């Protein structure tokens, strides 16, 4: 429904009327930018679970091209820009 690189998804989704916010929920798309992420493209993943103060994220191309990873990330991590709530 929205276009652009991963670092544009949050803004473009909101502009398209898709719900966004700062609270993680399973199934939401989490948008990242900052240290450890490509500044031109950004990065997104899917929240698959919440465990205490951490989110469990499944993503692709984080560590290397075409590799799927499952990672534990603190919810207060400064690289998290927000969440896109999709059905």
N, C-alpha and C. Protein backbone atom coordinates (compact mmCIF):
# COMPACT_ATOMS: atom_id res chain seq x y z
N UNK A 1 0.81 -1.20 0.00
CA UNK A 1 0.00 0.00 0.00
C UNK A 1 0.85 1.26 0.00
N UNK A 2 2.05 1.16 0.46
CA UNK A 2 2.95 2.31 0.46
C UNK A 2 4.23 1.91 -0.25
N UNK A 3 4.95 2.89 -0.71
CA UNK A 3 6.16 2.62 -1.50
C UNK A 3 7.36 3.27 -0.84
N UNK A 4 8.55 2.93 -1.37
CA UNK A 4 9.77 3.55 -0.90
C UNK A 4 10.68 2.57 -0.21
N UNK A 5 11.83 3.06 0.19
CA UNK A 5 12.77 2.25 0.96
C UNK A 5 12.24 2.06 2.37
N UNK A 6 12.82 1.12 3.08
CA UNK A 6 12.35 0.79 4.43
C UNK A 6 12.32 2.02 5.34
N UNK A 7 13.28 2.94 5.17
CA UNK A 7 13.30 4.13 6.04
C UNK A 7 12.17 5.11 5.72
N UNK A 8 11.39 4.84 4.69
CA UNK A 8 10.25 5.68 4.33
C UNK A 8 8.91 5.02 4.67
N UNK A 9 8.94 3.75 5.03
CA UNK A 9 7.70 3.01 5.24
C UNK A 9 6.82 3.62 6.32
N UNK A 10 7.39 3.98 7.47
CA UNK A 10 6.59 4.49 8.59
C UNK A 10 5.83 5.74 8.17
N UNK A 11 6.53 6.69 7.60
CA UNK A 11 5.90 7.94 7.17
C UNK A 11 4.90 7.69 6.04
N UNK A 12 5.28 6.86 5.07
CA UNK A 12 4.39 6.61 3.93
C UNK A 12 3.14 5.83 4.34
N UNK A 13 3.29 4.90 5.27
CA UNK A 13 2.13 4.15 5.76
C UNK A 13 1.15 5.09 6.46
N UNK A 14 1.69 5.97 7.32
CA UNK A 14 0.82 6.93 8.02
C UNK A 14 0.11 7.83 7.02
N UNK A 15 0.83 8.29 6.00
CA UNK A 15 0.24 9.17 4.99
C UNK A 15 -0.85 8.45 4.20
N UNK A 16 -0.73 7.12 4.08
CA UNK A 16 -1.73 6.33 3.36
C UNK A 16 -2.91 5.94 4.25
N UNK A 17 -2.88 6.38 5.51
CA UNK A 17 -3.99 6.09 6.42
C UNK A 17 -3.84 4.79 7.19
N UNK A 18 -2.67 4.17 7.13
CA UNK A 18 -2.42 2.94 7.87
C UNK A 18 -2.01 3.33 9.29
N UNK A 19 -2.53 2.61 10.28
CA UNK A 19 -2.24 2.92 11.68
C UNK A 19 -0.75 2.71 11.98
N UNK A 20 -0.16 3.67 12.68
CA UNK A 20 1.23 3.59 13.13
C UNK A 20 1.29 4.03 14.58
N UNK A 21 2.40 3.72 15.24
CA UNK A 21 2.53 4.14 16.62
C UNK A 21 3.84 3.70 17.23
N UNK A 22 3.91 3.81 18.55
CA UNK A 22 5.15 3.52 19.27
C UNK A 22 5.05 2.29 20.16
N UNK A 23 3.91 1.60 20.13
CA UNK A 23 3.73 0.42 20.97
C UNK A 23 3.90 -0.85 20.14
N UNK A 24 4.80 -1.75 20.57
CA UNK A 24 4.95 -2.99 19.81
C UNK A 24 3.79 -3.94 20.06
N UNK A 25 3.34 -4.59 18.99
CA UNK A 25 2.35 -5.64 19.09
C UNK A 25 2.74 -6.74 18.11
N UNK A 26 2.48 -7.99 18.45
CA UNK A 26 2.79 -9.07 17.51
C UNK A 26 2.10 -8.84 16.16
N UNK A 27 2.84 -9.04 15.10
CA UNK A 27 2.32 -8.84 13.75
C UNK A 27 2.61 -7.48 13.17
N UNK A 28 3.03 -6.54 14.01
CA UNK A 28 3.34 -5.19 13.51
C UNK A 28 4.68 -5.20 12.78
N UNK A 29 4.81 -4.28 11.85
CA UNK A 29 6.10 -4.04 11.19
C UNK A 29 6.85 -3.03 12.05
N UNK A 30 8.08 -3.33 12.39
CA UNK A 30 8.91 -2.40 13.15
C UNK A 30 9.90 -1.76 12.19
N UNK A 31 10.00 -0.43 12.25
CA UNK A 31 10.91 0.32 11.39
C UNK A 31 12.14 0.75 12.19
N UNK A 32 13.30 0.53 11.60
CA UNK A 32 14.57 0.87 12.23
C UNK A 32 15.34 1.88 11.39
N UNK A 33 16.14 2.71 12.04
CA UNK A 33 17.16 3.50 11.36
C UNK A 33 18.17 3.92 12.42
N UNK A 34 19.34 4.27 11.96
CA UNK A 34 20.39 4.68 12.88
C UNK A 34 21.54 3.70 12.87
N UNK A 35 22.32 3.72 13.92
CA UNK A 35 23.53 2.91 14.00
C UNK A 35 23.24 1.43 13.76
N UNK A 36 23.98 0.84 12.83
CA UNK A 36 23.83 -0.57 12.50
C UNK A 36 22.90 -0.84 11.33
N UNK A 37 22.26 0.22 10.83
CA UNK A 37 21.33 0.06 9.71
C UNK A 37 21.77 0.97 8.56
N UNK A 38 21.54 0.51 7.36
CA UNK A 38 21.93 1.27 6.18
C UNK A 38 21.22 2.63 6.18
N UNK A 39 21.97 3.73 6.16
CA UNK A 39 21.34 5.05 6.23
C UNK A 39 20.50 5.40 5.00
N UNK A 40 20.81 4.80 3.86
CA UNK A 40 20.05 5.10 2.66
C UNK A 40 18.74 4.31 2.60
N UNK A 41 18.79 3.03 2.98
CA UNK A 41 17.63 2.15 2.85
C UNK A 41 16.82 1.99 4.12
N UNK A 42 17.45 2.07 5.28
CA UNK A 42 16.75 1.77 6.52
C UNK A 42 16.54 0.27 6.65
N UNK A 43 15.64 -0.14 7.55
CA UNK A 43 15.40 -1.56 7.76
C UNK A 43 14.04 -1.74 8.43
N UNK A 44 13.37 -2.83 8.11
CA UNK A 44 12.11 -3.19 8.76
C UNK A 44 12.13 -4.68 9.11
N UNK A 45 11.30 -5.05 10.03
CA UNK A 45 11.11 -6.44 10.41
C UNK A 45 9.70 -6.63 10.92
N UNK A 46 9.38 -7.85 11.29
CA UNK A 46 8.06 -8.18 11.83
C UNK A 46 8.20 -8.54 13.30
N UNK A 47 7.37 -7.97 14.14
CA UNK A 47 7.34 -8.33 15.56
C UNK A 47 6.62 -9.67 15.65
N UNK A 48 7.32 -10.71 16.08
CA UNK A 48 6.69 -12.02 16.19
C UNK A 48 6.26 -12.33 17.61
N UNK A 49 6.86 -11.62 18.59
CA UNK A 49 6.49 -11.86 19.99
C UNK A 49 7.02 -10.71 20.83
N UNK A 50 6.47 -10.60 22.03
CA UNK A 50 6.95 -9.65 23.02
C UNK A 50 7.29 -10.46 24.26
N UNK A 51 8.48 -10.26 24.80
CA UNK A 51 8.95 -11.01 25.96
C UNK A 51 9.51 -10.01 26.97
N UNK A 52 8.68 -9.64 27.93
CA UNK A 52 9.09 -8.65 28.92
C UNK A 52 9.35 -7.31 28.26
N UNK A 53 10.57 -6.81 28.40
CA UNK A 53 10.95 -5.53 27.81
C UNK A 53 11.61 -5.67 26.45
N UNK A 54 11.49 -6.84 25.84
CA UNK A 54 12.10 -7.11 24.54
C UNK A 54 11.03 -7.46 23.51
N UNK A 55 11.36 -7.16 22.25
CA UNK A 55 10.54 -7.66 21.15
C UNK A 55 11.38 -8.72 20.43
N UNK A 56 10.69 -9.71 19.91
CA UNK A 56 11.33 -10.73 19.08
C UNK A 56 10.96 -10.36 17.64
N UNK A 57 11.98 -10.10 16.84
CA UNK A 57 11.80 -9.61 15.48
C UNK A 57 12.32 -10.63 14.49
N UNK A 58 11.54 -10.88 13.46
CA UNK A 58 11.99 -11.70 12.34
C UNK A 58 12.20 -10.76 11.16
N UNK A 59 13.38 -10.85 10.56
CA UNK A 59 13.68 -9.96 9.45
C UNK A 59 14.60 -10.66 8.45
N UNK A 60 14.89 -9.96 7.39
CA UNK A 60 15.75 -10.52 6.35
C UNK A 60 16.77 -9.46 5.95
N UNK A 61 17.95 -9.90 5.58
CA UNK A 61 19.03 -9.03 5.11
C UNK A 61 19.64 -8.17 6.22
N UNK A 62 19.43 -8.53 7.47
CA UNK A 62 20.06 -7.78 8.56
C UNK A 62 21.55 -8.13 8.65
N UNK A 63 21.83 -9.40 8.74
CA UNK A 63 23.22 -9.85 8.88
C UNK A 63 23.91 -9.99 7.53
N UNK A 64 23.19 -10.57 6.59
CA UNK A 64 23.72 -10.70 5.23
C UNK A 64 22.56 -10.88 4.26
N UNK A 65 22.82 -10.62 3.00
CA UNK A 65 21.81 -10.67 1.95
C UNK A 65 21.14 -12.04 1.90
N UNK A 66 19.82 -12.04 1.83
CA UNK A 66 18.97 -13.23 1.71
C UNK A 66 18.96 -14.13 2.93
N UNK A 67 19.46 -13.67 4.06
CA UNK A 67 19.42 -14.46 5.29
C UNK A 67 18.29 -13.96 6.18
N UNK A 68 17.45 -14.88 6.65
CA UNK A 68 16.38 -14.56 7.59
C UNK A 68 16.94 -14.72 9.00
N UNK A 69 16.72 -13.72 9.85
CA UNK A 69 17.17 -13.79 11.24
C UNK A 69 16.00 -13.58 12.18
N UNK A 70 16.13 -14.10 13.37
CA UNK A 70 15.19 -13.85 14.46
C UNK A 70 16.03 -13.26 15.58
N UNK A 71 15.66 -12.04 16.01
CA UNK A 71 16.48 -11.31 16.96
C UNK A 71 15.65 -10.80 18.13
N UNK A 72 16.31 -10.67 19.27
CA UNK A 72 15.71 -10.10 20.49
C UNK A 72 16.23 -8.67 20.61
N UNK A 73 15.32 -7.71 20.70
CA UNK A 73 15.70 -6.30 20.74
C UNK A 73 14.94 -5.62 21.88
N UNK A 74 15.63 -4.87 22.73
CA UNK A 74 14.93 -4.14 23.80
C UNK A 74 13.94 -3.13 23.21
N UNK A 75 12.79 -3.01 23.82
CA UNK A 75 11.77 -2.10 23.30
C UNK A 75 12.22 -0.64 23.37
N UNK A 76 13.20 -0.34 24.22
CA UNK A 76 13.68 1.04 24.32
C UNK A 76 14.91 1.29 23.44
N UNK A 77 15.20 0.39 22.51
CA UNK A 77 16.34 0.54 21.61
C UNK A 77 16.16 1.81 20.77
N UNK A 78 17.19 2.65 20.74
CA UNK A 78 17.09 3.95 20.07
C UNK A 78 16.97 3.86 18.55
N UNK A 79 17.21 2.69 17.96
CA UNK A 79 17.08 2.57 16.50
C UNK A 79 15.65 2.29 16.05
N UNK A 80 14.77 1.99 16.99
CA UNK A 80 13.36 1.74 16.65
C UNK A 80 12.68 3.09 16.40
N UNK A 81 12.15 3.25 15.20
CA UNK A 81 11.47 4.52 14.85
C UNK A 81 9.97 4.45 15.06
N UNK A 82 9.41 3.24 15.06
CA UNK A 82 7.98 3.10 15.27
C UNK A 82 7.47 1.82 14.65
N UNK A 83 6.18 1.66 14.72
CA UNK A 83 5.52 0.42 14.30
C UNK A 83 4.40 0.73 13.33
N UNK A 84 4.22 -0.15 12.38
CA UNK A 84 3.11 -0.08 11.43
C UNK A 84 2.18 -1.24 11.75
N UNK A 85 0.92 -0.94 12.03
CA UNK A 85 -0.04 -1.97 12.43
C UNK A 85 -0.82 -2.45 11.21
N UNK A 86 -0.57 -3.68 10.85
CA UNK A 86 -1.21 -4.26 9.66
C UNK A 86 -2.07 -5.44 10.08
N UNK A 87 -3.02 -5.80 9.24
CA UNK A 87 -3.89 -6.95 9.53
C UNK A 87 -3.22 -8.23 9.15
